[in-house]
Structure formats: structure tokens, C-alpha cells
Amino acid sequence: MSYIARILPMAEDAAQKNHMDRIKNVTLEVGAMTGAMPELLQECYKEAILGTLLEGSELTIIPVDIMAACEDCGCTYAPSKENDYRCPKCHSLKSHIIAGRDVVIKSISDH
């Protein structure tokens, strides 16, 4: 619910700034590291939008896989148990996450 509680005011604010009277769809990118479960986000969204500018809108969720960037060779890859979380190119463990840890509003649509 905390993700939805943070996203609703941002979506309403963006709609008002763009002179939208009504929102029909909100698209979220949801990273795999967030632990946010799409079905629970959908359920919370339906409850949270009642009585708001977003009432009646649909929530579209785009899953975002975890991606890392190797700090030694620059390779981007999906860390996993199968590759021991190592870079597949140089086998380094030095990396940082570049995708998959956020919930982001991708778009807001009034049609």
C-alpha cells in the first residue's frame, strides 16, 4: 500500500499540471527487487483511487528485471544464482544495480 500511497499524489499532480480532467490509465514500472507484488498493487490501487481524480482508471504494471553493471569491464547483466551473481564477461563480483529496485510512474493517460 505504501507504493500506491506515494504514487497517487504524484499521478494527480501530473494530471493537474497537464490539464487532465480525468485519468484513464496509470502505467508503473515495478522492479523485481522492490518486493511489490503486482496483484497486491492492483488490489490496493482499486481501493485507494475511490473519490480521487483517478477513480475508474486502470493500473498497468510493467515488471522490470534486476540488471547490474560490472565495475571492472562495464558489462550489463542480470545477476542470478546461475551466474553466482558474477559478471558473465569477466567473472568479477564488483557491480552495482542499475535497474529493478524502483517503482516508477512510466505514464499517465487520459484516453
Protein backbone atom coordinates (compact mmCIF):
# COMPACT_ATOMS: atom_id res chain seq x y z
CA MET A 1 0.00 0.00 0.00
CA SER A 2 2.90 2.37 0.68
CA TYR A 3 3.90 2.40 -3.01
CA ILE A 4 0.35 3.25 -4.06
CA ALA A 5 0.07 5.90 -1.33
CA ARG A 6 3.19 7.61 -2.71
CA ILE A 7 2.23 7.27 -6.36
CA LEU A 8 -1.34 8.61 -6.20
CA PRO A 9 -0.42 12.19 -5.26
CA MET A 10 2.28 12.23 -7.95
CA ALA A 11 -0.19 10.99 -10.58
CA GLU A 12 -2.83 13.52 -9.54
CA ASP A 13 -0.27 16.33 -9.57
CA ALA A 14 0.97 15.35 -13.05
CA ALA A 15 -2.63 15.19 -14.31
CA GLN A 16 -3.40 18.67 -12.98
CA LYS A 17 -0.20 20.12 -14.45
CA ASN A 18 -1.16 18.63 -17.81
CA HIS A 19 -4.76 19.91 -17.58
CA MET A 20 -6.31 16.42 -17.45
CA ASP A 21 -9.82 16.30 -16.05
CA ARG A 22 -9.73 12.55 -15.71
CA ILE A 23 -7.12 9.79 -15.79
CA LYS A 24 -7.90 6.53 -17.59
CA ASN A 25 -4.61 4.67 -17.13
CA VAL A 26 -1.53 4.78 -14.93
CA THR A 27 1.42 2.66 -16.03
CA LEU A 28 4.01 1.68 -13.44
CA GLU A 29 7.39 0.07 -13.89
CA VAL A 30 7.88 -2.24 -10.89
CA GLY A 31 11.37 -3.52 -10.17
CA ALA A 32 11.90 -7.13 -9.11
CA MET A 33 13.92 -6.01 -6.06
CA THR A 34 11.07 -3.95 -4.62
CA GLY A 35 9.21 -6.97 -3.36
CA ALA A 36 5.99 -5.34 -4.59
CA MET A 37 3.54 -7.96 -5.77
CA PRO A 38 1.56 -6.87 -8.85
CA GLU A 39 -1.71 -8.44 -7.69
CA LEU A 40 -1.50 -6.63 -4.34
CA LEU A 41 -0.65 -3.34 -6.06
CA GLN A 42 -3.74 -3.79 -8.25
CA GLU A 43 -5.93 -4.51 -5.23
CA CYS A 44 -4.62 -1.54 -3.24
CA TYR A 45 -4.93 0.73 -6.26
CA LYS A 46 -8.63 -0.06 -6.70
CA GLU A 47 -9.30 0.91 -3.09
CA ALA A 48 -7.03 3.96 -2.98
CA ILE A 49 -8.42 5.70 -6.09
CA LEU A 50 -12.00 5.88 -4.84
CA GLY A 51 -13.07 9.52 -4.60
CA THR A 52 -9.98 10.81 -6.42
CA LEU A 53 -9.18 12.12 -9.90
CA LEU A 54 -8.00 8.58 -10.67
CA GLU A 55 -11.30 6.87 -9.84
CA GLY A 56 -12.24 4.48 -12.63
CA SER A 57 -8.71 4.36 -14.04
CA GLU A 58 -6.76 1.20 -14.78
CA LEU A 59 -3.34 0.33 -13.43
CA THR A 60 -0.89 -1.25 -15.87
CA ILE A 61 2.21 -2.84 -14.37
CA ILE A 62 5.40 -3.43 -16.33
CA PRO A 63 7.83 -5.72 -14.49
CA VAL A 64 11.49 -4.64 -14.53
CA ASP A 65 14.15 -7.29 -14.09
CA ILE A 66 17.23 -6.75 -11.96
CA MET A 67 20.19 -5.56 -14.01
CA ALA A 68 23.73 -4.89 -12.85
CA ALA A 69 26.72 -3.12 -14.36
CA CYS A 70 30.15 -4.62 -13.85
CA GLU A 71 32.55 -2.09 -12.36
CA ASP A 72 35.55 -3.83 -13.91
CA CYS A 73 34.54 -4.29 -17.55
CA GLY A 74 31.29 -2.29 -17.90
CA CYS A 75 29.19 -5.27 -19.00
CA THR A 76 25.49 -5.10 -18.09
CA TYR A 77 23.88 -8.34 -17.00
CA ALA A 78 21.15 -10.00 -14.95
CA PRO A 79 22.73 -11.23 -11.70
CA SER A 80 21.43 -14.62 -10.58
CA LYS A 81 22.30 -17.80 -8.71
CA GLU A 82 23.10 -19.42 -12.05
CA ASN A 83 25.98 -16.98 -12.68
CA ASP A 84 26.89 -16.76 -8.97
CA TYR A 85 25.97 -13.06 -9.24
CA ARG A 86 29.20 -12.57 -11.20
CA CYS A 87 29.75 -10.69 -14.42
CA PRO A 88 29.35 -13.19 -17.29
CA LYS A 89 32.14 -11.49 -19.25
CA CYS A 90 34.97 -11.09 -16.70
CA HIS A 91 33.54 -13.01 -13.68
CA SER A 92 34.00 -10.05 -11.35
CA LEU A 93 31.80 -9.62 -8.30
CA LYS A 94 32.25 -5.83 -8.41
CA SER A 95 29.00 -4.43 -9.74
CA HIS A 96 26.16 -2.10 -8.94
CA ILE A 97 22.44 -2.43 -9.59
CA ILE A 98 21.22 -0.25 -12.46
CA ALA A 99 17.61 -1.48 -12.79
CA GLY A 100 15.00 -3.34 -10.83
CA ARG A 101 14.92 -1.61 -7.47
CA ASP A 102 12.30 1.10 -8.06
CA VAL A 103 8.60 1.66 -8.62
CA VAL A 104 8.29 4.39 -11.24
CA ILE A 105 5.34 6.06 -12.96
CA LYS A 106 6.01 5.38 -16.63
CA SER A 107 2.95 7.17 -17.99
CA ILE A 108 -0.42 8.69 -17.17
CA SER A 109 -3.08 8.71 -19.84
CA ASP A 110 -6.48 10.34 -20.21
CA HIS A 111 -7.53 8.20 -23.16
